[in-house]
Amino acid sequence: GSVGAGTGTQAFGLKGGIGTSSRVLPEALGGFTIGVLVQTNHGGALSINGAPVGRELGNYSYRNFLEPVEDADKEDGSIMIVVATDAPLTARNLDRLARRAIMGLARTGSFASNGSGDYVIAFSSNPAVRKPRSSDEPVPVSVLVNEAMSPLFAATAEATEEAIYNAIFKATTVTSSRGELRAIPIDELLRILEKHQVLNWDKTVGL
């Protein structure tokens, strides 16, 4: 929510903030954990499970060109995303993992506008891939093969999407010398999700 570096951020024309989420893979897929932290500060038209939430709330990029409004969303900004995992990944596969976080961002309705400076940092906490700084000798490492990366990719996209939602849902309305930036109205959000029959995503399984 509206804490720390997230205090002054906005996302989709609403109050943004700090959000987190995680996924744990089944043991059959490695049992590794993915954790994601985001600082939401970007534009777009908020979408949740396919429901056009931003459009129905009247918060979306370029609205000021289409309607006579004073508080339209700015389309640019820079979201910051940190992806952590305990999987033993090489630098190359951490780079590949970071790129999947942007797929989670896109699911929420962001489109990386011309002014966006979105970036992702990914790291592994697994001791197997640590390199001692005090030695010039070759160090043997055990790393995950490329063929085992796909479940981690899926987990990263999902966790990033959910972390962005959590940042917005927990944010609170703030007032400054520039005016008021409102938090998302939860009651109205629930009405929109019910209208589009996506409030309980499990209802759509198998359809």
N, C-alpha and C. Protein backbone atom coordinates (compact mmCIF):
# COMPACT_ATOMS: atom_id res chain seq x y z
N GLY A 1 0.81 -1.20 0.00
CA GLY A 1 0.00 0.00 0.00
C GLY A 1 0.85 1.25 0.00
N SER A 2 0.31 2.31 0.59
CA SER A 2 0.95 3.63 0.57
C SER A 2 2.01 3.74 1.66
N VAL A 3 3.09 2.99 1.52
CA VAL A 3 4.16 3.00 2.51
C VAL A 3 5.51 3.19 1.81
N GLY A 4 6.47 3.75 2.54
CA GLY A 4 7.82 3.89 2.01
C GLY A 4 7.85 4.58 0.67
N ALA A 5 8.59 3.98 -0.27
CA ALA A 5 8.72 4.56 -1.60
C ALA A 5 7.40 4.56 -2.36
N GLY A 6 6.42 3.81 -1.88
CA GLY A 6 5.12 3.78 -2.54
C GLY A 6 4.19 4.90 -2.14
N THR A 7 4.63 5.75 -1.20
CA THR A 7 3.75 6.82 -0.70
C THR A 7 3.32 7.77 -1.79
N GLY A 8 4.22 8.12 -2.70
CA GLY A 8 3.90 9.12 -3.71
C GLY A 8 3.61 8.56 -5.09
N THR A 9 3.30 7.29 -5.20
CA THR A 9 3.12 6.69 -6.52
C THR A 9 1.65 6.60 -6.92
N GLN A 10 1.45 6.51 -8.24
CA GLN A 10 0.11 6.28 -8.75
C GLN A 10 0.18 5.25 -9.86
N ALA A 11 -0.91 4.51 -10.01
CA ALA A 11 -0.98 3.47 -11.03
C ALA A 11 -2.38 3.44 -11.63
N PHE A 12 -2.45 3.46 -12.95
CA PHE A 12 -3.74 3.43 -13.65
C PHE A 12 -4.63 4.60 -13.23
N GLY A 13 -4.03 5.73 -12.86
CA GLY A 13 -4.81 6.89 -12.44
C GLY A 13 -5.35 6.79 -11.04
N LEU A 14 -4.95 5.77 -10.30
CA LEU A 14 -5.37 5.55 -8.91
C LEU A 14 -4.13 5.57 -8.02
N LYS A 15 -4.36 5.58 -6.71
CA LYS A 15 -3.23 5.53 -5.79
C LYS A 15 -2.51 4.20 -5.92
N GLY A 16 -1.21 4.27 -6.16
CA GLY A 16 -0.40 3.07 -6.23
C GLY A 16 0.33 2.84 -4.92
N GLY A 17 1.35 2.01 -4.94
CA GLY A 17 2.10 1.76 -3.72
C GLY A 17 3.00 0.55 -3.84
N ILE A 18 3.28 -0.05 -2.70
CA ILE A 18 4.13 -1.24 -2.63
C ILE A 18 3.24 -2.48 -2.52
N GLY A 19 3.59 -3.51 -3.28
CA GLY A 19 2.83 -4.75 -3.23
C GLY A 19 3.75 -5.95 -3.31
N THR A 20 3.33 -7.05 -2.71
CA THR A 20 4.12 -8.28 -2.76
C THR A 20 3.23 -9.47 -3.07
N SER A 21 3.85 -10.53 -3.54
CA SER A 21 3.15 -11.79 -3.77
C SER A 21 4.20 -12.88 -3.95
N SER A 22 3.78 -14.12 -3.87
CA SER A 22 4.73 -15.22 -4.04
C SER A 22 4.03 -16.46 -4.57
N ARG A 23 4.83 -17.38 -5.06
CA ARG A 23 4.36 -18.68 -5.51
C ARG A 23 5.37 -19.74 -5.08
N VAL A 24 4.86 -20.93 -4.73
CA VAL A 24 5.71 -22.07 -4.41
C VAL A 24 5.38 -23.18 -5.39
N LEU A 25 6.37 -23.64 -6.12
CA LEU A 25 6.13 -24.70 -7.09
C LEU A 25 5.90 -26.04 -6.39
N PRO A 26 5.08 -26.91 -6.98
CA PRO A 26 4.93 -28.27 -6.45
C PRO A 26 6.29 -28.97 -6.44
N GLU A 27 6.45 -29.93 -5.54
CA GLU A 27 7.71 -30.65 -5.44
C GLU A 27 8.08 -31.32 -6.76
N ALA A 28 7.06 -31.78 -7.49
CA ALA A 28 7.33 -32.44 -8.76
C ALA A 28 7.95 -31.50 -9.79
N LEU A 29 7.80 -30.17 -9.55
CA LEU A 29 8.36 -29.17 -10.46
C LEU A 29 9.55 -28.45 -9.83
N GLY A 30 10.06 -29.00 -8.75
CA GLY A 30 11.25 -28.45 -8.13
C GLY A 30 11.05 -27.92 -6.73
N GLY A 31 9.82 -27.53 -6.39
CA GLY A 31 9.53 -27.03 -5.05
C GLY A 31 10.12 -25.67 -4.75
N PHE A 32 10.56 -24.94 -5.77
CA PHE A 32 11.19 -23.64 -5.56
C PHE A 32 10.15 -22.55 -5.29
N THR A 33 10.62 -21.46 -4.70
CA THR A 33 9.76 -20.32 -4.37
C THR A 33 10.11 -19.12 -5.24
N ILE A 34 9.09 -18.40 -5.64
CA ILE A 34 9.25 -17.11 -6.33
C ILE A 34 8.59 -16.05 -5.46
N GLY A 35 9.31 -14.99 -5.17
CA GLY A 35 8.74 -13.85 -4.44
C GLY A 35 8.89 -12.59 -5.27
N VAL A 36 7.87 -11.76 -5.30
CA VAL A 36 7.89 -10.54 -6.11
C VAL A 36 7.49 -9.34 -5.27
N LEU A 37 8.26 -8.26 -5.38
CA LEU A 37 7.92 -6.98 -4.77
C LEU A 37 7.83 -5.94 -5.88
N VAL A 38 6.77 -5.12 -5.85
CA VAL A 38 6.60 -4.08 -6.86
C VAL A 38 6.38 -2.73 -6.22
N GLN A 39 6.81 -1.70 -6.92
CA GLN A 39 6.43 -0.32 -6.60
C GLN A 39 5.68 0.19 -7.82
N THR A 40 4.36 0.26 -7.71
CA THR A 40 3.53 0.57 -8.87
C THR A 40 3.50 2.07 -9.13
N ASN A 41 3.93 2.46 -10.32
CA ASN A 41 3.95 3.88 -10.70
C ASN A 41 3.89 3.94 -12.22
N HIS A 42 2.72 3.65 -12.78
CA HIS A 42 2.61 3.52 -14.23
C HIS A 42 1.18 3.79 -14.68
N GLY A 43 1.01 3.87 -16.00
CA GLY A 43 -0.31 4.13 -16.56
C GLY A 43 -0.92 2.89 -17.17
N GLY A 44 -1.98 3.10 -17.95
CA GLY A 44 -2.69 2.00 -18.58
C GLY A 44 -4.15 2.03 -18.20
N ALA A 45 -4.84 0.95 -18.47
CA ALA A 45 -6.25 0.80 -18.10
C ALA A 45 -6.37 -0.49 -17.29
N LEU A 46 -6.60 -0.36 -16.00
CA LEU A 46 -6.59 -1.50 -15.09
C LEU A 46 -7.53 -2.61 -15.56
N SER A 47 -6.98 -3.82 -15.64
CA SER A 47 -7.76 -5.00 -16.02
C SER A 47 -7.51 -6.07 -14.97
N ILE A 48 -8.59 -6.71 -14.49
CA ILE A 48 -8.47 -7.77 -13.50
C ILE A 48 -9.23 -8.99 -14.00
N ASN A 49 -8.51 -10.07 -14.23
CA ASN A 49 -9.12 -11.29 -14.77
C ASN A 49 -9.92 -11.01 -16.04
N GLY A 50 -9.46 -10.04 -16.80
CA GLY A 50 -10.11 -9.69 -18.05
C GLY A 50 -11.20 -8.64 -17.94
N ALA A 51 -11.61 -8.29 -16.74
CA ALA A 51 -12.64 -7.27 -16.55
C ALA A 51 -12.04 -5.88 -16.74
N PRO A 52 -12.66 -5.01 -17.54
CA PRO A 52 -12.13 -3.68 -17.81
C PRO A 52 -12.39 -2.70 -16.67
N VAL A 53 -11.75 -2.94 -15.54
CA VAL A 53 -12.01 -2.16 -14.33
C VAL A 53 -11.70 -0.69 -14.55
N GLY A 54 -10.54 -0.39 -15.13
CA GLY A 54 -10.15 0.99 -15.32
C GLY A 54 -11.13 1.78 -16.17
N ARG A 55 -11.60 1.18 -17.23
CA ARG A 55 -12.55 1.88 -18.11
C ARG A 55 -13.87 2.13 -17.39
N GLU A 56 -14.33 1.16 -16.62
CA GLU A 56 -15.60 1.33 -15.93
C GLU A 56 -15.50 2.33 -14.79
N LEU A 57 -14.30 2.46 -14.21
CA LEU A 57 -14.11 3.46 -13.16
C LEU A 57 -13.81 4.84 -13.74
N GLY A 58 -13.55 4.89 -15.06
CA GLY A 58 -13.22 6.17 -15.68
C GLY A 58 -11.78 6.56 -15.49
N ASN A 59 -10.92 5.59 -15.21
CA ASN A 59 -9.49 5.84 -15.03
C ASN A 59 -8.71 5.07 -16.08
N TYR A 60 -8.19 5.78 -17.08
CA TYR A 60 -7.38 5.13 -18.10
C TYR A 60 -6.56 6.17 -18.84
N SER A 61 -5.47 5.74 -19.44
CA SER A 61 -4.58 6.65 -20.14
C SER A 61 -5.27 7.31 -21.33
N TYR A 62 -4.91 8.56 -21.56
CA TYR A 62 -5.41 9.37 -22.68
C TYR A 62 -6.87 9.76 -22.55
N ARG A 63 -7.44 9.57 -21.35
CA ARG A 63 -8.83 9.96 -21.16
C ARG A 63 -9.02 11.45 -21.41
N ASN A 64 -7.99 12.24 -21.05
CA ASN A 64 -8.11 13.69 -21.21
C ASN A 64 -8.21 14.10 -22.68
N PHE A 65 -7.81 13.22 -23.61
CA PHE A 65 -7.96 13.53 -25.03
C PHE A 65 -9.35 13.15 -25.55
N LEU A 66 -10.05 12.32 -24.79
CA LEU A 66 -11.33 11.80 -25.24
C LEU A 66 -12.52 12.40 -24.50
N GLU A 67 -12.27 12.89 -23.28
CA GLU A 67 -13.35 13.44 -22.47
C GLU A 67 -12.87 14.73 -21.79
N PRO A 68 -13.79 15.64 -21.49
CA PRO A 68 -13.42 16.89 -20.81
C PRO A 68 -13.21 16.67 -19.31
N VAL A 69 -12.03 16.17 -18.94
CA VAL A 69 -11.74 15.89 -17.53
C VAL A 69 -10.44 16.59 -17.14
N GLU A 70 -10.27 16.78 -15.82
CA GLU A 70 -9.08 17.44 -15.32
C GLU A 70 -8.11 16.49 -14.63
N ASP A 71 -8.58 15.30 -14.26
CA ASP A 71 -7.76 14.41 -13.45
C ASP A 71 -7.45 13.09 -14.16
N ALA A 72 -7.23 13.16 -15.48
CA ALA A 72 -6.97 11.94 -16.24
C ALA A 72 -5.63 11.33 -15.85
N ASP A 73 -5.53 10.03 -16.04
CA ASP A 73 -4.31 9.31 -15.74
C ASP A 73 -3.19 9.73 -16.68
N LYS A 74 -2.00 9.90 -16.13
CA LYS A 74 -0.84 10.08 -17.00
C LYS A 74 -0.39 8.70 -17.45
N GLU A 75 -0.03 8.58 -18.73
CA GLU A 75 0.22 7.25 -19.27
C GLU A 75 1.62 6.73 -18.98
N ASP A 76 2.55 7.62 -18.59
CA ASP A 76 3.90 7.15 -18.37
C ASP A 76 4.18 6.96 -16.88
N GLY A 77 5.44 6.72 -16.56
CA GLY A 77 5.83 6.40 -15.20
C GLY A 77 6.69 5.14 -15.24
N SER A 78 7.22 4.76 -14.11
CA SER A 78 8.15 3.63 -14.09
C SER A 78 7.84 2.70 -12.93
N ILE A 79 7.38 1.52 -13.23
CA ILE A 79 7.18 0.52 -12.18
C ILE A 79 8.53 -0.15 -11.90
N MET A 80 8.77 -0.44 -10.64
CA MET A 80 9.98 -1.15 -10.24
C MET A 80 9.57 -2.52 -9.71
N ILE A 81 10.21 -3.56 -10.19
CA ILE A 81 9.86 -4.94 -9.83
C ILE A 81 11.12 -5.69 -9.39
N VAL A 82 11.02 -6.36 -8.25
CA VAL A 82 12.11 -7.20 -7.76
C VAL A 82 11.60 -8.64 -7.68
N VAL A 83 12.31 -9.56 -8.33
CA VAL A 83 11.95 -10.97 -8.32
C VAL A 83 13.03 -11.75 -7.58
N ALA A 84 12.64 -12.47 -6.55
CA ALA A 84 13.58 -13.29 -5.78
C ALA A 84 13.19 -14.75 -5.88
N THR A 85 14.19 -15.62 -5.91
CA THR A 85 13.93 -17.06 -5.96
C THR A 85 15.02 -17.82 -5.22
N ASP A 86 14.68 -19.00 -4.75
CA ASP A 86 15.69 -19.88 -4.16
C ASP A 86 16.14 -20.94 -5.14
N ALA A 87 15.70 -20.84 -6.39
CA ALA A 87 16.15 -21.77 -7.42
C ALA A 87 17.59 -21.41 -7.82
N PRO A 88 18.44 -22.40 -8.06
CA PRO A 88 19.83 -22.12 -8.44
C PRO A 88 19.93 -21.74 -9.92
N LEU A 89 19.86 -20.46 -10.20
CA LEU A 89 19.81 -19.98 -11.58
C LEU A 89 21.08 -19.24 -11.97
N THR A 90 21.47 -19.40 -13.22
CA THR A 90 22.58 -18.63 -13.77
C THR A 90 22.13 -17.19 -14.01
N ALA A 91 23.08 -16.30 -14.26
CA ALA A 91 22.75 -14.91 -14.56
C ALA A 91 21.85 -14.83 -15.80
N ARG A 92 22.12 -15.69 -16.78
CA ARG A 92 21.31 -15.69 -18.00
C ARG A 92 19.87 -16.05 -17.69
N ASN A 93 19.66 -17.08 -16.88
CA ASN A 93 18.29 -17.48 -16.58
C ASN A 93 17.60 -16.52 -15.62
N LEU A 94 18.35 -15.81 -14.81
CA LEU A 94 17.74 -14.74 -14.00
C LEU A 94 17.25 -13.62 -14.91
N ASP A 95 18.01 -13.33 -15.96
CA ASP A 95 17.57 -12.34 -16.93
C ASP A 95 16.29 -12.80 -17.62
N ARG A 96 16.23 -14.06 -17.98
CA ARG A 96 15.02 -14.60 -18.61
C ARG A 96 13.84 -14.54 -17.65
N LEU A 97 14.10 -14.82 -16.36
CA LEU A 97 13.05 -14.76 -15.35
C LEU A 97 12.50 -13.34 -15.22
N ALA A 98 13.40 -12.36 -15.21
CA ALA A 98 12.99 -10.96 -15.08
C ALA A 98 12.08 -10.54 -16.23
N ARG A 99 12.36 -11.03 -17.42
CA ARG A 99 11.55 -10.67 -18.58
C ARG A 99 10.11 -11.18 -18.44
N ARG A 100 9.93 -12.28 -17.73
CA ARG A 100 8.57 -12.82 -17.54
C ARG A 100 7.75 -11.96 -16.59
N ALA A 101 8.40 -11.19 -15.73
CA ALA A 101 7.66 -10.29 -14.85
C ALA A 101 6.88 -9.25 -15.66
N ILE A 102 7.44 -8.83 -16.78
CA ILE A 102 6.76 -7.85 -17.63
C ILE A 102 5.48 -8.44 -18.21
N MET A 103 5.46 -9.75 -18.41
CA MET A 103 4.23 -10.39 -18.88
C MET A 103 3.13 -10.29 -17.82
N GLY A 104 3.51 -10.42 -16.55
CA GLY A 104 2.54 -10.22 -15.48
C GLY A 104 2.05 -8.79 -15.43
N LEU A 105 2.94 -7.84 -15.67
CA LEU A 105 2.56 -6.43 -15.72
C LEU A 105 1.55 -6.19 -16.83
N ALA A 106 1.78 -6.78 -17.99
CA ALA A 106 0.86 -6.59 -19.12
C ALA A 106 -0.53 -7.13 -18.82
N ARG A 107 -0.62 -8.20 -18.05
CA ARG A 107 -1.93 -8.77 -17.71
C ARG A 107 -2.80 -7.77 -16.94
N THR A 108 -2.18 -6.84 -16.24
CA THR A 108 -2.94 -5.89 -15.42
C THR A 108 -3.46 -4.70 -16.21
N GLY A 109 -3.05 -4.58 -17.47
CA GLY A 109 -3.54 -3.48 -18.30
C GLY A 109 -2.51 -2.43 -18.62
N SER A 110 -1.28 -2.62 -18.20
CA SER A 110 -0.21 -1.68 -18.55
C SER A 110 0.35 -2.04 -19.92
N PHE A 111 0.81 -1.01 -20.66
CA PHE A 111 1.31 -1.29 -22.01
C PHE A 111 2.69 -0.70 -22.26
N ALA A 112 3.39 -0.27 -21.19
CA ALA A 112 4.76 0.26 -21.32
C ALA A 112 4.80 1.39 -22.34
N SER A 113 4.25 2.53 -21.97
CA SER A 113 4.15 3.67 -22.88
C SER A 113 5.53 4.25 -23.21
N ASN A 114 5.53 5.22 -24.11
CA ASN A 114 6.78 5.84 -24.55
C ASN A 114 7.59 6.41 -23.39
N GLY A 115 6.92 6.95 -22.38
CA GLY A 115 7.62 7.55 -21.25
C GLY A 115 7.91 6.60 -20.12
N SER A 116 7.57 5.33 -20.27
CA SER A 116 7.78 4.37 -19.19
C SER A 116 9.26 4.00 -19.07
N GLY A 117 9.70 3.83 -17.84
CA GLY A 117 11.07 3.38 -17.59
C GLY A 117 11.04 2.12 -16.75
N ASP A 118 10.10 1.24 -17.04
CA ASP A 118 9.90 0.03 -16.23
C ASP A 118 11.17 -0.83 -16.20
N TYR A 119 11.50 -1.35 -15.02
CA TYR A 119 12.63 -2.26 -14.96
C TYR A 119 12.43 -3.32 -13.89
N VAL A 120 13.15 -4.42 -14.07
CA VAL A 120 13.04 -5.58 -13.19
C VAL A 120 14.43 -6.04 -12.76
N ILE A 121 14.57 -6.36 -11.48
CA ILE A 121 15.79 -6.97 -10.95
C ILE A 121 15.42 -8.37 -10.45
N ALA A 122 16.20 -9.36 -10.83
CA ALA A 122 15.96 -10.73 -10.36
C ALA A 122 17.24 -11.28 -9.74
N PHE A 123 17.08 -12.00 -8.63
CA PHE A 123 18.25 -12.60 -7.99
C PHE A 123 17.89 -13.94 -7.37
N SER A 124 18.92 -14.76 -7.15
CA SER A 124 18.75 -16.06 -6.50
C SER A 124 19.45 -16.05 -5.15
N SER A 125 18.79 -16.63 -4.16
CA SER A 125 19.37 -16.74 -2.82
C SER A 125 20.01 -18.11 -2.59
N ASN A 126 20.03 -18.95 -3.63
CA ASN A 126 20.54 -20.31 -3.47
C ASN A 126 22.06 -20.31 -3.29
N PRO A 127 22.58 -20.91 -2.22
CA PRO A 127 24.02 -20.92 -1.98
C PRO A 127 24.83 -21.59 -3.09
N ALA A 128 24.20 -22.47 -3.86
CA ALA A 128 24.92 -23.21 -4.89
C ALA A 128 25.48 -22.32 -5.99
N VAL A 129 24.90 -21.13 -6.17
CA VAL A 129 25.35 -20.25 -7.26
C VAL A 129 26.17 -19.07 -6.76
N ARG A 130 26.51 -19.05 -5.49
CA ARG A 130 27.34 -17.96 -4.96
C ARG A 130 28.80 -18.14 -5.37
N LYS A 131 29.44 -17.02 -5.65
CA LYS A 131 30.85 -17.04 -6.05
C LYS A 131 31.66 -16.26 -5.02
N PRO A 132 32.60 -16.90 -4.33
CA PRO A 132 33.40 -16.18 -3.34
C PRO A 132 34.27 -15.10 -3.98
N ARG A 133 34.29 -13.92 -3.39
CA ARG A 133 35.05 -12.81 -3.95
C ARG A 133 36.54 -12.92 -3.62
N SER A 134 36.89 -13.74 -2.65
CA SER A 134 38.27 -13.79 -2.18
C SER A 134 39.14 -14.80 -2.94
N SER A 135 38.58 -15.43 -3.95
CA SER A 135 39.34 -16.46 -4.66
C SER A 135 39.24 -16.26 -6.17
N ASP A 136 40.37 -16.54 -6.84
CA ASP A 136 40.41 -16.49 -8.30
C ASP A 136 40.30 -17.88 -8.91
N GLU A 137 40.15 -18.88 -8.06
CA GLU A 137 40.08 -20.26 -8.54
C GLU A 137 38.69 -20.58 -9.10
N PRO A 138 38.62 -21.47 -10.07
CA PRO A 138 37.31 -21.90 -10.58
C PRO A 138 36.45 -22.50 -9.47
N VAL A 139 35.17 -22.21 -9.52
CA VAL A 139 34.25 -22.68 -8.49
C VAL A 139 33.17 -23.54 -9.15
N PRO A 140 33.01 -24.79 -8.75
CA PRO A 140 31.94 -25.62 -9.31
C PRO A 140 30.57 -25.17 -8.79
N VAL A 141 29.60 -25.09 -9.66
CA VAL A 141 28.25 -24.70 -9.25
C VAL A 141 27.25 -25.68 -9.82
N SER A 142 26.12 -25.81 -9.12
CA SER A 142 25.01 -26.65 -9.59
C SER A 142 23.86 -25.72 -9.94
N VAL A 143 23.44 -25.73 -11.19
CA VAL A 143 22.40 -24.81 -11.63
C VAL A 143 21.25 -25.56 -12.28
N LEU A 144 20.10 -24.90 -12.31
CA LEU A 144 18.92 -25.47 -12.93
C LEU A 144 19.06 -25.41 -14.45
N VAL A 145 18.70 -26.49 -15.11
CA VAL A 145 18.81 -26.53 -16.57
C VAL A 145 17.68 -25.72 -17.20
N ASN A 146 17.90 -25.29 -18.43
CA ASN A 146 16.90 -24.47 -19.13
C ASN A 146 15.54 -25.15 -19.22
N GLU A 147 15.56 -26.47 -19.41
CA GLU A 147 14.31 -27.20 -19.59
C GLU A 147 13.43 -27.18 -18.35
N ALA A 148 13.97 -26.81 -17.20
CA ALA A 148 13.20 -26.77 -15.96
C ALA A 148 12.71 -25.36 -15.62
N MET A 149 12.91 -24.41 -16.53
CA MET A 149 12.61 -23.01 -16.23
C MET A 149 11.14 -22.63 -16.40
N SER A 150 10.41 -23.33 -17.25
CA SER A 150 9.05 -22.90 -17.58
C SER A 150 8.13 -22.73 -16.37
N PRO A 151 8.12 -23.65 -15.40
CA PRO A 151 7.27 -23.43 -14.22
C PRO A 151 7.63 -22.16 -13.46
N LEU A 152 8.92 -21.83 -13.41
CA LEU A 152 9.34 -20.59 -12.75
C LEU A 152 8.88 -19.37 -13.54
N PHE A 153 8.88 -19.48 -14.86
CA PHE A 153 8.38 -18.38 -15.69
C PHE A 153 6.90 -18.10 -15.38
N ALA A 154 6.11 -19.18 -15.33
CA ALA A 154 4.68 -19.03 -15.05
C ALA A 154 4.46 -18.44 -13.67
N ALA A 155 5.22 -18.91 -12.69
CA ALA A 155 5.08 -18.41 -11.32
C ALA A 155 5.44 -16.94 -11.22
N THR A 156 6.45 -16.52 -11.97
CA THR A 156 6.87 -15.12 -11.94
C THR A 156 5.80 -14.21 -12.53
N ALA A 157 5.23 -14.60 -13.66
CA ALA A 157 4.17 -13.79 -14.27
C ALA A 157 2.97 -13.68 -13.34
N GLU A 158 2.57 -14.80 -12.73
CA GLU A 158 1.42 -14.79 -11.82
C GLU A 158 1.68 -13.93 -10.59
N ALA A 159 2.85 -14.11 -9.97
CA ALA A 159 3.15 -13.37 -8.75
C ALA A 159 3.28 -11.88 -9.01
N THR A 160 3.82 -11.51 -10.16
CA THR A 160 3.93 -10.09 -10.50
C THR A 160 2.55 -9.47 -10.67
N GLU A 161 1.68 -10.15 -11.39
CA GLU A 161 0.31 -9.66 -11.57
C GLU A 161 -0.36 -9.46 -10.22
N GLU A 162 -0.27 -10.44 -9.34
CA GLU A 162 -0.94 -10.36 -8.04
C GLU A 162 -0.31 -9.29 -7.15
N ALA A 163 1.00 -9.12 -7.22
CA ALA A 163 1.67 -8.10 -6.42
C ALA A 163 1.19 -6.70 -6.80
N ILE A 164 0.98 -6.48 -8.09
CA ILE A 164 0.47 -5.19 -8.56
C ILE A 164 -0.93 -4.94 -8.02
N TYR A 165 -1.79 -5.96 -8.10
CA TYR A 165 -3.13 -5.81 -7.54
C TYR A 165 -3.07 -5.53 -6.04
N ASN A 166 -2.21 -6.25 -5.32
CA ASN A 166 -2.11 -6.04 -3.87
C ASN A 166 -1.66 -4.63 -3.53
N ALA A 167 -0.76 -4.08 -4.34
CA ALA A 167 -0.29 -2.71 -4.11
C ALA A 167 -1.45 -1.72 -4.23
N ILE A 168 -2.29 -1.93 -5.23
CA ILE A 168 -3.40 -1.02 -5.47
C ILE A 168 -4.51 -1.22 -4.45
N PHE A 169 -4.82 -2.47 -4.12
CA PHE A 169 -5.91 -2.76 -3.18
C PHE A 169 -5.62 -2.25 -1.78
N LYS A 170 -4.35 -2.25 -1.38
CA LYS A 170 -3.99 -1.83 -0.03
C LYS A 170 -3.64 -0.35 0.07
N ALA A 171 -3.57 0.33 -1.05
CA ALA A 171 -3.25 1.76 -1.04
C ALA A 171 -4.41 2.57 -0.44
N THR A 172 -4.07 3.72 0.11
CA THR A 172 -5.08 4.61 0.69
C THR A 172 -5.02 5.97 0.01
N THR A 173 -6.14 6.65 -0.01
CA THR A 173 -6.21 7.98 -0.62
C THR A 173 -5.24 8.93 0.08
N VAL A 174 -4.51 9.72 -0.72
CA VAL A 174 -3.56 10.69 -0.17
C VAL A 174 -3.89 12.08 -0.70
N THR A 175 -3.57 13.08 0.10
CA THR A 175 -3.78 14.48 -0.27
C THR A 175 -2.47 15.23 -0.12
N SER A 176 -2.12 16.01 -1.13
CA SER A 176 -0.90 16.81 -1.08
C SER A 176 -1.17 18.18 -1.68
N SER A 177 -0.12 18.97 -1.85
CA SER A 177 -0.27 20.30 -2.44
C SER A 177 -0.73 20.22 -3.88
N ARG A 178 -0.58 19.06 -4.50
CA ARG A 178 -1.01 18.88 -5.89
C ARG A 178 -2.45 18.40 -5.99
N GLY A 179 -3.07 18.15 -4.85
CA GLY A 179 -4.45 17.68 -4.86
C GLY A 179 -4.59 16.31 -4.23
N GLU A 180 -5.69 15.65 -4.56
CA GLU A 180 -6.00 14.35 -3.97
C GLU A 180 -5.81 13.24 -5.00
N LEU A 181 -5.22 12.15 -4.56
CA LEU A 181 -5.09 10.96 -5.40
C LEU A 181 -5.84 9.84 -4.68
N ARG A 182 -6.96 9.43 -5.25
CA ARG A 182 -7.84 8.51 -4.55
C ARG A 182 -7.42 7.06 -4.70
N ALA A 183 -7.69 6.31 -3.66
CA ALA A 183 -7.48 4.87 -3.70
C ALA A 183 -8.62 4.23 -4.48
N ILE A 184 -8.42 3.03 -4.95
CA ILE A 184 -9.47 2.34 -5.70
C ILE A 184 -10.66 2.09 -4.78
N PRO A 185 -11.87 2.40 -5.23
CA PRO A 185 -13.06 2.15 -4.41
C PRO A 185 -13.40 0.66 -4.41
N ILE A 186 -13.14 -0.02 -3.31
CA ILE A 186 -13.26 -1.48 -3.26
C ILE A 186 -14.69 -1.95 -3.54
N ASP A 187 -15.68 -1.26 -2.98
CA ASP A 187 -17.07 -1.68 -3.23
C ASP A 187 -17.41 -1.61 -4.71
N GLU A 188 -16.96 -0.55 -5.37
CA GLU A 188 -17.22 -0.41 -6.80
C GLU A 188 -16.44 -1.46 -7.59
N LEU A 189 -15.23 -1.74 -7.15
CA LEU A 189 -14.43 -2.78 -7.80
C LEU A 189 -15.13 -4.13 -7.74
N LEU A 190 -15.65 -4.49 -6.57
CA LEU A 190 -16.34 -5.77 -6.42
C LEU A 190 -17.58 -5.83 -7.32
N ARG A 191 -18.28 -4.71 -7.45
CA ARG A 191 -19.45 -4.67 -8.33
C ARG A 191 -19.05 -4.95 -9.77
N ILE A 192 -17.95 -4.36 -10.21
CA ILE A 192 -17.49 -4.55 -11.58
C ILE A 192 -17.07 -6.00 -11.82
N LEU A 193 -16.37 -6.57 -10.86
CA LEU A 193 -15.93 -7.97 -11.01
C LEU A 193 -17.11 -8.93 -11.02
N GLU A 194 -18.12 -8.64 -10.20
CA GLU A 194 -19.34 -9.45 -10.21
C GLU A 194 -20.06 -9.32 -11.54
N LYS A 195 -20.13 -8.11 -12.04
CA LYS A 195 -20.80 -7.85 -13.32
C LYS A 195 -20.18 -8.68 -14.44
N HIS A 196 -18.87 -8.80 -14.43
CA HIS A 196 -18.18 -9.54 -15.49
C HIS A 196 -17.92 -11.00 -15.11
N GLN A 197 -18.49 -11.42 -13.98
CA GLN A 197 -18.43 -12.81 -13.53
C GLN A 197 -17.00 -13.33 -13.37
N VAL A 198 -16.14 -12.49 -12.81
CA VAL A 198 -14.75 -12.90 -12.59
C VAL A 198 -14.31 -12.65 -11.15
N LEU A 199 -15.27 -12.41 -10.26
CA LEU A 199 -14.90 -12.16 -8.87
C LEU A 199 -14.22 -13.38 -8.27
N ASN A 200 -14.77 -14.55 -8.53
CA ASN A 200 -14.14 -15.80 -8.11
C ASN A 200 -13.61 -16.47 -9.37
N TRP A 201 -12.30 -16.34 -9.58
CA TRP A 201 -11.72 -16.83 -10.82
C TRP A 201 -11.93 -18.32 -11.01
N ASP A 202 -12.08 -19.07 -9.91
CA ASP A 202 -12.28 -20.52 -10.01
C ASP A 202 -13.56 -20.88 -10.75
N LYS A 203 -14.51 -19.94 -10.78
CA LYS A 203 -15.77 -20.21 -11.47
C LYS A 203 -15.56 -20.44 -12.96
N THR A 204 -14.48 -19.91 -13.51
CA THR A 204 -14.26 -20.01 -14.95
C THR A 204 -13.47 -21.24 -15.34
N VAL A 205 -13.00 -22.01 -14.37
CA VAL A 205 -12.20 -23.20 -14.69
C VAL A 205 -13.03 -24.19 -15.50
N GLY A 206 -12.48 -24.62 -16.61
CA GLY A 206 -13.15 -25.62 -17.44
C GLY A 206 -14.13 -25.04 -18.44
N LEU A 207 -14.32 -23.71 -18.43
CA LEU A 207 -15.26 -23.12 -19.38
C LEU A 207 -14.58 -22.81 -20.69
